């Protein structure tokens, strides 16, 4: 029993590290898609638009990782690999959703995200990010 508990705890740590790594990649994605440094936009300038987009991104990635783990293969290695693959796929789909929305709307979406006042385009972009993540979750399940 103790052996099973320790094995489960070890797997949780590994899956957790993969999830955190994917969330870090998501952070880097938003940083690439928006002008300026994302960490400064949110933590120094307190930009609500950038914070909303990043929050939607992080929640979306967490939902993808959760779904991938929850529906995971019994074999640990295959489950871990599928979680990483679906996580990266989800990040790519979210990036594509951002770029398509940017293409469909006037101006540059990255600049809208960086404006200091709350902008409705940021809400739409955040919803697009999270919606793209939910689509990936449905594909996993």
N, C-alpha and C. Protein backbone atom coordinates (compact mmCIF):
# COMPACT_ATOMS: atom_id res chain seq x y z
N UNK A 1 0.82 -1.19 0.00
CA UNK A 1 0.00 0.00 0.00
C UNK A 1 0.87 1.26 0.00
N UNK A 2 1.88 1.29 0.85
CA UNK A 2 2.77 2.44 0.90
C UNK A 2 3.51 2.60 -0.43
N UNK A 3 3.86 1.49 -1.04
CA UNK A 3 4.54 1.53 -2.34
C UNK A 3 3.63 2.17 -3.40
N UNK A 4 2.36 1.79 -3.41
CA UNK A 4 1.40 2.38 -4.36
C UNK A 4 1.24 3.87 -4.11
N UNK A 5 1.17 4.25 -2.85
CA UNK A 5 1.03 5.66 -2.49
C UNK A 5 2.23 6.46 -2.96
N UNK A 6 3.42 5.95 -2.73
CA UNK A 6 4.63 6.65 -3.15
C UNK A 6 4.74 6.72 -4.68
N UNK A 7 4.34 5.64 -5.34
CA UNK A 7 4.36 5.64 -6.81
C UNK A 7 3.38 6.68 -7.34
N UNK A 8 2.19 6.75 -6.76
CA UNK A 8 1.21 7.74 -7.17
C UNK A 8 1.69 9.16 -6.92
N UNK A 9 2.34 9.36 -5.78
CA UNK A 9 2.88 10.69 -5.46
C UNK A 9 3.97 11.08 -6.46
N UNK A 10 4.82 10.14 -6.80
CA UNK A 10 5.88 10.40 -7.78
C UNK A 10 5.31 10.76 -9.14
N UNK A 11 4.28 10.02 -9.56
CA UNK A 11 3.63 10.32 -10.84
C UNK A 11 2.98 11.71 -10.80
N UNK A 12 2.38 12.04 -9.68
CA UNK A 12 1.76 13.36 -9.54
C UNK A 12 2.79 14.47 -9.68
N UNK A 13 3.95 14.26 -9.11
CA UNK A 13 5.01 15.26 -9.21
C UNK A 13 5.44 15.42 -10.67
N UNK A 14 5.63 14.30 -11.36
CA UNK A 14 6.07 14.36 -12.76
C UNK A 14 5.01 15.02 -13.64
N UNK A 15 3.76 14.61 -13.50
CA UNK A 15 2.68 15.23 -14.27
C UNK A 15 2.57 16.72 -13.92
N UNK A 16 2.75 17.04 -12.65
CA UNK A 16 2.71 18.44 -12.23
C UNK A 16 3.81 19.27 -12.88
N UNK A 17 4.99 18.70 -12.95
CA UNK A 17 6.11 19.40 -13.60
C UNK A 17 5.85 19.60 -15.09
N UNK A 18 5.28 18.60 -15.74
CA UNK A 18 4.94 18.73 -17.15
C UNK A 18 3.88 19.82 -17.32
N UNK A 19 2.88 19.82 -16.46
CA UNK A 19 1.84 20.84 -16.54
C UNK A 19 2.38 22.24 -16.33
N UNK A 20 3.24 22.40 -15.34
CA UNK A 20 3.85 23.71 -15.09
C UNK A 20 4.73 24.12 -16.26
N UNK A 21 5.45 23.17 -16.83
CA UNK A 21 6.27 23.46 -18.00
C UNK A 21 5.42 23.93 -19.18
N UNK A 22 4.29 23.27 -19.40
CA UNK A 22 3.39 23.68 -20.48
C UNK A 22 2.81 25.06 -20.21
N UNK A 23 2.50 25.36 -18.96
CA UNK A 23 1.99 26.69 -18.62
C UNK A 23 3.08 27.75 -18.85
N UNK A 24 4.33 27.39 -18.61
CA UNK A 24 5.43 28.32 -18.88
C UNK A 24 5.55 28.56 -20.39
N UNK A 25 5.36 27.51 -21.19
CA UNK A 25 5.38 27.68 -22.64
C UNK A 25 4.23 28.58 -23.08
N UNK A 26 3.07 28.42 -22.45
CA UNK A 26 1.92 29.29 -22.73
C UNK A 26 2.23 30.74 -22.41
N UNK A 27 2.92 30.98 -21.31
CA UNK A 27 3.35 32.33 -20.95
C UNK A 27 4.24 32.90 -22.05
N UNK A 28 5.20 32.10 -22.50
CA UNK A 28 6.11 32.54 -23.56
C UNK A 28 5.36 32.84 -24.86
N UNK A 29 4.33 32.05 -25.14
CA UNK A 29 3.51 32.29 -26.33
C UNK A 29 2.86 33.67 -26.26
N UNK A 30 2.23 33.98 -25.14
CA UNK A 30 1.57 35.29 -25.00
C UNK A 30 2.62 36.39 -25.06
N UNK A 31 3.77 36.15 -24.49
CA UNK A 31 4.84 37.14 -24.54
C UNK A 31 5.27 37.40 -25.98
N UNK A 32 5.32 36.36 -26.81
CA UNK A 32 5.68 36.52 -28.22
C UNK A 32 4.59 37.24 -29.02
N UNK A 33 3.33 36.98 -28.68
CA UNK A 33 2.21 37.53 -29.45
C UNK A 33 1.90 38.98 -29.10
N UNK A 34 2.40 39.47 -27.99
CA UNK A 34 2.13 40.83 -27.58
C UNK A 34 3.42 41.65 -27.55
N UNK A 35 3.34 42.92 -27.92
CA UNK A 35 4.54 43.76 -27.87
C UNK A 35 4.99 43.99 -26.43
N UNK A 36 6.26 44.18 -26.25
CA UNK A 36 6.79 44.44 -24.91
C UNK A 36 6.98 43.16 -24.12
N UNK A 37 7.41 43.33 -22.89
CA UNK A 37 7.62 42.19 -21.99
C UNK A 37 6.34 41.93 -21.20
N UNK A 38 5.82 40.73 -21.31
CA UNK A 38 4.56 40.38 -20.65
C UNK A 38 4.65 40.55 -19.14
N UNK A 39 5.75 40.14 -18.56
CA UNK A 39 5.88 40.24 -17.10
C UNK A 39 5.81 41.69 -16.64
N UNK A 40 6.39 42.62 -17.43
CA UNK A 40 6.31 44.03 -17.08
C UNK A 40 4.90 44.57 -17.30
N UNK A 41 4.26 44.14 -18.40
CA UNK A 41 2.90 44.59 -18.68
C UNK A 41 1.96 44.27 -17.52
N UNK A 42 2.10 43.07 -16.98
CA UNK A 42 1.16 42.63 -15.94
C UNK A 42 1.60 43.07 -14.55
N UNK A 43 2.84 42.79 -14.18
CA UNK A 43 3.25 43.00 -12.80
C UNK A 43 3.77 44.41 -12.50
N UNK A 44 4.25 45.13 -13.51
CA UNK A 44 4.73 46.49 -13.28
C UNK A 44 3.67 47.50 -13.71
N UNK A 45 3.17 47.36 -14.95
CA UNK A 45 2.19 48.31 -15.47
C UNK A 45 0.76 47.97 -15.06
N UNK A 46 0.55 46.77 -14.53
CA UNK A 46 -0.76 46.31 -14.09
C UNK A 46 -1.82 46.38 -15.20
N UNK A 47 -1.41 45.92 -16.38
CA UNK A 47 -2.28 45.99 -17.55
C UNK A 47 -3.38 44.93 -17.45
N UNK A 48 -4.66 45.35 -17.38
CA UNK A 48 -5.74 44.38 -17.22
C UNK A 48 -5.98 43.52 -18.46
N UNK A 49 -5.69 44.04 -19.64
CA UNK A 49 -5.91 43.28 -20.87
C UNK A 49 -4.92 42.13 -20.99
N UNK A 50 -3.66 42.43 -20.74
CA UNK A 50 -2.64 41.37 -20.79
C UNK A 50 -2.89 40.32 -19.71
N UNK A 51 -3.30 40.78 -18.54
CA UNK A 51 -3.58 39.84 -17.44
C UNK A 51 -4.75 38.92 -17.79
N UNK A 52 -5.79 39.48 -18.42
CA UNK A 52 -6.95 38.68 -18.79
C UNK A 52 -6.58 37.63 -19.84
N UNK A 53 -5.81 38.04 -20.84
CA UNK A 53 -5.40 37.09 -21.88
C UNK A 53 -4.51 35.98 -21.31
N UNK A 54 -3.57 36.35 -20.46
CA UNK A 54 -2.69 35.34 -19.86
C UNK A 54 -3.49 34.41 -18.95
N UNK A 55 -4.42 34.95 -18.19
CA UNK A 55 -5.24 34.12 -17.31
C UNK A 55 -6.04 33.09 -18.12
N UNK A 56 -6.64 33.53 -19.23
CA UNK A 56 -7.40 32.61 -20.08
C UNK A 56 -6.48 31.54 -20.66
N UNK A 57 -5.28 31.95 -21.05
CA UNK A 57 -4.30 31.02 -21.59
C UNK A 57 -3.90 29.97 -20.55
N UNK A 58 -3.59 30.42 -19.34
CA UNK A 58 -3.15 29.50 -18.30
C UNK A 58 -4.27 28.54 -17.88
N UNK A 59 -5.49 29.06 -17.78
CA UNK A 59 -6.62 28.20 -17.45
C UNK A 59 -6.89 27.19 -18.57
N UNK A 60 -6.74 27.64 -19.81
CA UNK A 60 -6.94 26.74 -20.94
C UNK A 60 -5.92 25.62 -20.95
N UNK A 61 -4.67 25.96 -20.72
CA UNK A 61 -3.63 24.93 -20.68
C UNK A 61 -3.87 23.98 -19.52
N UNK A 62 -4.26 24.52 -18.37
CA UNK A 62 -4.55 23.66 -17.22
C UNK A 62 -5.71 22.71 -17.54
N UNK A 63 -6.72 23.19 -18.25
CA UNK A 63 -7.85 22.34 -18.63
C UNK A 63 -7.39 21.22 -19.57
N UNK A 64 -6.52 21.56 -20.50
CA UNK A 64 -6.00 20.55 -21.44
C UNK A 64 -5.18 19.50 -20.67
N UNK A 65 -4.30 19.96 -19.80
CA UNK A 65 -3.47 19.03 -19.02
C UNK A 65 -4.36 18.16 -18.13
N UNK A 66 -5.35 18.75 -17.48
CA UNK A 66 -6.28 17.99 -16.64
C UNK A 66 -6.97 16.90 -17.46
N UNK A 67 -7.51 17.29 -18.62
CA UNK A 67 -8.23 16.33 -19.45
C UNK A 67 -7.31 15.22 -19.94
N UNK A 68 -6.10 15.60 -20.32
CA UNK A 68 -5.14 14.60 -20.80
C UNK A 68 -4.77 13.61 -19.70
N UNK A 69 -4.58 14.12 -18.50
CA UNK A 69 -4.24 13.23 -17.38
C UNK A 69 -5.44 12.37 -17.00
N UNK A 70 -6.60 12.99 -16.93
CA UNK A 70 -7.82 12.29 -16.50
C UNK A 70 -8.17 11.14 -17.44
N UNK A 71 -7.91 11.33 -18.72
CA UNK A 71 -8.24 10.29 -19.71
C UNK A 71 -6.99 9.52 -20.14
N UNK A 72 -5.94 9.63 -19.35
CA UNK A 72 -4.62 9.12 -19.71
C UNK A 72 -4.58 7.61 -19.85
N UNK A 73 -3.57 7.18 -20.57
CA UNK A 73 -3.28 5.75 -20.69
C UNK A 73 -2.89 5.20 -19.32
N UNK A 74 -3.11 3.92 -19.13
CA UNK A 74 -2.71 3.28 -17.88
C UNK A 74 -1.20 3.27 -17.73
N UNK A 75 -0.51 3.10 -18.84
CA UNK A 75 0.94 3.07 -18.82
C UNK A 75 1.46 4.50 -18.60
N UNK A 76 2.27 4.67 -17.59
CA UNK A 76 2.74 6.00 -17.17
C UNK A 76 3.44 6.75 -18.30
N UNK A 77 4.37 6.13 -18.98
CA UNK A 77 5.13 6.79 -20.04
C UNK A 77 4.25 7.28 -21.18
N UNK A 78 3.31 6.44 -21.60
CA UNK A 78 2.38 6.83 -22.68
C UNK A 78 1.47 7.95 -22.22
N UNK A 79 1.03 7.89 -20.98
CA UNK A 79 0.17 8.95 -20.44
C UNK A 79 0.89 10.28 -20.36
N UNK A 80 2.14 10.21 -19.92
CA UNK A 80 2.94 11.42 -19.82
C UNK A 80 3.21 12.01 -21.21
N UNK A 81 3.54 11.16 -22.15
CA UNK A 81 3.79 11.62 -23.52
C UNK A 81 2.54 12.23 -24.14
N UNK A 82 1.38 11.59 -23.94
CA UNK A 82 0.15 12.14 -24.52
C UNK A 82 -0.21 13.47 -23.87
N UNK A 83 0.06 13.61 -22.59
CA UNK A 83 -0.21 14.88 -21.91
C UNK A 83 0.66 15.98 -22.49
N UNK A 84 1.93 15.70 -22.69
CA UNK A 84 2.85 16.70 -23.26
C UNK A 84 2.46 17.04 -24.69
N UNK A 85 2.13 16.03 -25.49
CA UNK A 85 1.78 16.25 -26.89
C UNK A 85 0.49 17.07 -26.99
N UNK A 86 -0.54 16.67 -26.25
CA UNK A 86 -1.80 17.41 -26.31
C UNK A 86 -1.63 18.82 -25.75
N UNK A 87 -0.79 18.98 -24.74
CA UNK A 87 -0.53 20.32 -24.21
C UNK A 87 0.11 21.22 -25.25
N UNK A 88 1.12 20.72 -25.94
CA UNK A 88 1.77 21.51 -26.99
C UNK A 88 0.83 21.77 -28.15
N UNK A 89 0.02 20.78 -28.50
CA UNK A 89 -0.97 20.96 -29.55
C UNK A 89 -1.97 22.06 -29.16
N UNK A 90 -2.41 22.02 -27.90
CA UNK A 90 -3.34 23.04 -27.42
C UNK A 90 -2.75 24.44 -27.48
N UNK A 91 -1.48 24.56 -27.12
CA UNK A 91 -0.81 25.86 -27.19
C UNK A 91 -0.75 26.34 -28.64
N UNK A 92 -0.46 25.44 -29.56
CA UNK A 92 -0.43 25.80 -30.98
C UNK A 92 -1.81 26.23 -31.47
N UNK A 93 -2.84 25.52 -31.05
CA UNK A 93 -4.21 25.87 -31.46
C UNK A 93 -4.60 27.24 -30.88
N UNK A 94 -4.21 27.51 -29.64
CA UNK A 94 -4.50 28.82 -29.05
C UNK A 94 -3.76 29.93 -29.79
N UNK A 95 -2.54 29.67 -30.20
CA UNK A 95 -1.79 30.67 -30.98
C UNK A 95 -2.49 30.92 -32.31
N UNK A 96 -2.96 29.85 -32.94
CA UNK A 96 -3.67 30.00 -34.21
C UNK A 96 -4.96 30.79 -34.01
N UNK A 97 -5.67 30.54 -32.93
CA UNK A 97 -6.89 31.29 -32.65
C UNK A 97 -6.59 32.78 -32.48
N UNK A 98 -5.49 33.10 -31.81
CA UNK A 98 -5.08 34.49 -31.64
C UNK A 98 -4.79 35.13 -33.00
N UNK A 99 -4.03 34.42 -33.83
CA UNK A 99 -3.65 34.96 -35.14
C UNK A 99 -4.85 35.12 -36.07
N UNK A 100 -5.78 34.18 -36.04
CA UNK A 100 -6.99 34.29 -36.86
C UNK A 100 -7.83 35.48 -36.39
N UNK A 101 -8.00 35.63 -35.09
CA UNK A 101 -8.75 36.78 -34.56
C UNK A 101 -8.05 38.08 -34.92
N UNK A 102 -6.74 38.10 -34.84
CA UNK A 102 -5.97 39.29 -35.22
C UNK A 102 -6.22 39.63 -36.69
N UNK A 103 -6.24 38.62 -37.54
CA UNK A 103 -6.48 38.81 -38.96
C UNK A 103 -7.89 39.34 -39.24
N UNK A 104 -8.87 38.90 -38.44
CA UNK A 104 -10.28 39.24 -38.68
C UNK A 104 -10.68 40.60 -38.10
N UNK A 105 -9.87 41.18 -37.25
CA UNK A 105 -10.25 42.42 -36.58
C UNK A 105 -9.35 43.57 -37.02
N UNK A 106 -9.84 44.81 -36.88
CA UNK A 106 -9.02 45.95 -37.29
C UNK A 106 -7.84 46.16 -36.34
N UNK A 107 -6.76 46.71 -36.86
CA UNK A 107 -5.59 46.98 -36.03
C UNK A 107 -4.83 45.70 -35.71
N UNK A 108 -3.93 45.82 -34.76
CA UNK A 108 -3.14 44.69 -34.30
C UNK A 108 -3.62 44.28 -32.91
N UNK A 109 -4.01 43.05 -32.77
CA UNK A 109 -4.54 42.56 -31.52
C UNK A 109 -3.52 42.65 -30.39
N UNK A 110 -2.26 42.40 -30.70
CA UNK A 110 -1.22 42.52 -29.68
C UNK A 110 -1.16 43.91 -29.09
N UNK A 111 -1.35 44.93 -29.93
CA UNK A 111 -1.33 46.31 -29.44
C UNK A 111 -2.56 46.61 -28.59
N UNK A 112 -3.70 46.03 -28.99
CA UNK A 112 -4.93 46.19 -28.20
C UNK A 112 -4.72 45.62 -26.79
N UNK A 113 -4.09 44.46 -26.74
CA UNK A 113 -3.84 43.81 -25.46
C UNK A 113 -2.95 44.68 -24.57
N UNK A 114 -2.08 45.46 -25.20
CA UNK A 114 -1.12 46.27 -24.43
C UNK A 114 -1.66 47.65 -24.02
N UNK A 115 -2.85 48.02 -24.48
CA UNK A 115 -3.39 49.32 -24.07
C UNK A 115 -3.67 49.30 -22.58
N UNK A 116 -3.44 50.43 -21.90
CA UNK A 116 -3.57 50.43 -20.44
C UNK A 116 -5.01 50.36 -19.92
N UNK A 117 -5.97 50.79 -20.73
CA UNK A 117 -7.38 50.74 -20.29
C UNK A 117 -8.03 49.46 -20.78
N UNK A 118 -8.98 48.98 -19.99
CA UNK A 118 -9.68 47.74 -20.36
C UNK A 118 -10.25 47.91 -21.77
N UNK A 119 -10.02 46.90 -22.61
CA UNK A 119 -10.48 46.95 -24.00
C UNK A 119 -11.33 45.71 -24.27
N UNK A 120 -12.50 45.86 -24.90
CA UNK A 120 -13.35 44.70 -25.16
C UNK A 120 -12.67 43.64 -26.03
N UNK A 121 -11.73 44.06 -26.88
CA UNK A 121 -11.01 43.10 -27.72
C UNK A 121 -10.21 42.11 -26.90
N UNK A 122 -9.75 42.54 -25.72
CA UNK A 122 -9.01 41.62 -24.85
C UNK A 122 -9.93 40.53 -24.31
N UNK A 123 -11.17 40.88 -24.01
CA UNK A 123 -12.13 39.89 -23.53
C UNK A 123 -12.44 38.87 -24.63
N UNK A 124 -12.62 39.37 -25.85
CA UNK A 124 -12.89 38.47 -26.97
C UNK A 124 -11.69 37.56 -27.21
N UNK A 125 -10.50 38.12 -27.16
CA UNK A 125 -9.29 37.32 -27.36
C UNK A 125 -9.14 36.26 -26.27
N UNK A 126 -9.41 36.63 -25.03
CA UNK A 126 -9.32 35.67 -23.93
C UNK A 126 -10.33 34.54 -24.12
N UNK A 127 -11.55 34.89 -24.53
CA UNK A 127 -12.58 33.87 -24.77
C UNK A 127 -12.16 32.96 -25.93
N UNK A 128 -11.54 33.53 -26.95
CA UNK A 128 -11.07 32.74 -28.08
C UNK A 128 -9.98 31.76 -27.64
N UNK A 129 -9.07 32.23 -26.79
CA UNK A 129 -8.01 31.36 -26.26
C UNK A 129 -8.60 30.19 -25.47
N UNK A 130 -9.50 30.52 -24.55
CA UNK A 130 -10.08 29.49 -23.70
C UNK A 130 -10.96 28.54 -24.52
N UNK A 131 -11.69 29.10 -25.48
CA UNK A 131 -12.52 28.26 -26.35
C UNK A 131 -11.69 27.28 -27.15
N UNK A 132 -10.54 27.74 -27.65
CA UNK A 132 -9.64 26.86 -28.40
C UNK A 132 -9.15 25.72 -27.50
N UNK A 133 -8.86 26.05 -26.25
CA UNK A 133 -8.43 25.02 -25.30
C UNK A 133 -9.53 24.00 -25.05
N UNK A 134 -10.77 24.47 -24.94
CA UNK A 134 -11.88 23.54 -24.71
C UNK A 134 -12.08 22.61 -25.90
N UNK A 135 -11.84 23.13 -27.10
CA UNK A 135 -11.93 22.27 -28.29
C UNK A 135 -10.91 21.14 -28.21
N UNK A 136 -9.69 21.47 -27.79
CA UNK A 136 -8.66 20.44 -27.63
C UNK A 136 -9.06 19.46 -26.54
N UNK A 137 -9.63 19.96 -25.45
CA UNK A 137 -10.10 19.07 -24.37
C UNK A 137 -11.12 18.07 -24.90
N UNK A 138 -12.05 18.55 -25.71
CA UNK A 138 -13.06 17.66 -26.29
C UNK A 138 -12.42 16.61 -27.20
N UNK A 139 -11.40 17.00 -27.93
CA UNK A 139 -10.71 16.05 -28.80
C UNK A 139 -10.00 14.96 -27.99
N UNK A 140 -9.47 15.35 -26.85
CA UNK A 140 -8.78 14.39 -25.99
C UNK A 140 -9.77 13.37 -25.43
N UNK A 141 -10.89 13.90 -24.94
CA UNK A 141 -11.88 13.05 -24.28
C UNK A 141 -12.60 12.22 -25.31
